[in-house]
Amino acid sequence: MREQAARLAQATRELVAYIENNQVYDKLADCGCGLYDSYRTDAFEAVLAAAKAALKEMEAVLPGA
């Protein structure tokens, strides 16, 4: 089980890093001039924050995860 938890922690770490480093957004707004403004909704930000918090807790329980 420890091995699976370590793999889950690594996958979560990589997913969060990808979302943050590649500027992944979940909404687009039409600016009216042919351009779009992309942004993250509060719900998306909350999910990212929850994933980071859960990862931090898991890393505390599983050193080296």
Protein backbone atom coordinates (compact mmCIF):
# COMPACT_ATOMS: atom_id res chain seq x y z
CA MET A 1 0.00 0.00 0.00
CA ARG A 2 2.89 2.34 0.77
CA GLU A 3 4.19 1.90 -2.77
CA GLN A 4 0.80 2.78 -4.28
CA ALA A 5 0.53 5.84 -2.04
CA ALA A 6 4.01 6.98 -3.11
CA ARG A 7 3.01 6.60 -6.79
CA LEU A 8 -0.20 8.53 -6.16
CA ALA A 9 1.77 11.31 -4.45
CA GLN A 10 4.18 11.48 -7.39
CA ALA A 11 1.36 11.57 -9.93
CA THR A 12 -0.42 14.30 -7.98
CA ARG A 13 2.79 16.32 -7.72
CA GLU A 14 3.33 16.05 -11.49
CA LEU A 15 -0.27 16.93 -12.32
CA VAL A 16 -0.28 20.04 -10.11
CA ALA A 17 3.10 21.12 -11.51
CA TYR A 18 1.84 20.65 -15.08
CA ILE A 19 -1.29 22.71 -14.43
CA GLU A 20 0.70 25.52 -12.85
CA ASN A 21 3.67 25.52 -15.25
CA ASN A 22 1.60 25.31 -18.43
CA GLN A 23 -0.98 27.88 -17.39
CA VAL A 24 -3.96 25.52 -17.58
CA TYR A 25 -7.29 27.33 -17.20
CA ASP A 26 -10.86 26.14 -17.18
CA LYS A 27 -12.73 29.20 -18.47
CA LEU A 28 -12.54 31.59 -21.40
CA ALA A 29 -14.15 35.00 -21.69
CA ASP A 30 -14.68 36.73 -25.01
CA CYS A 31 -13.16 40.20 -24.79
CA GLY A 32 -15.22 41.33 -27.78
CA CYS A 33 -12.25 42.27 -29.95
CA GLY A 34 -11.37 38.80 -31.21
CA LEU A 35 -9.28 37.99 -28.16
CA TYR A 36 -10.05 35.69 -25.27
CA ASP A 37 -9.19 36.04 -21.62
CA SER A 38 -8.51 32.71 -19.95
CA TYR A 39 -8.81 32.23 -16.22
CA ARG A 40 -9.36 29.71 -13.46
CA THR A 41 -12.67 29.55 -11.66
CA ASP A 42 -12.81 29.56 -7.88
CA ALA A 43 -13.83 25.89 -7.99
CA PHE A 44 -10.75 24.97 -10.07
CA GLU A 45 -8.47 26.92 -7.71
CA ALA A 46 -10.09 25.16 -4.75
CA VAL A 47 -9.43 21.75 -6.29
CA LEU A 48 -5.77 22.66 -6.87
CA ALA A 49 -5.43 23.91 -3.30
CA ALA A 50 -7.03 20.73 -1.96
CA ALA A 51 -4.68 18.57 -4.04
CA LYS A 52 -1.67 20.50 -2.72
CA ALA A 53 -2.88 20.18 0.87
CA ALA A 54 -3.55 16.44 0.52
CA LEU A 55 -0.15 15.95 -1.08
CA LYS A 56 1.53 17.80 1.77
CA GLU A 57 -0.26 15.61 4.32
CA MET A 58 0.67 12.44 2.43
CA GLU A 59 4.31 13.49 2.20
CA ALA A 60 4.36 14.08 5.96
CA VAL A 61 3.09 10.55 6.59
CA LEU A 62 5.19 8.91 3.87
CA PRO A 63 8.70 10.40 3.99
CA GLY A 64 10.39 10.06 0.64
CA ALA A 65 7.08 9.81 -1.20
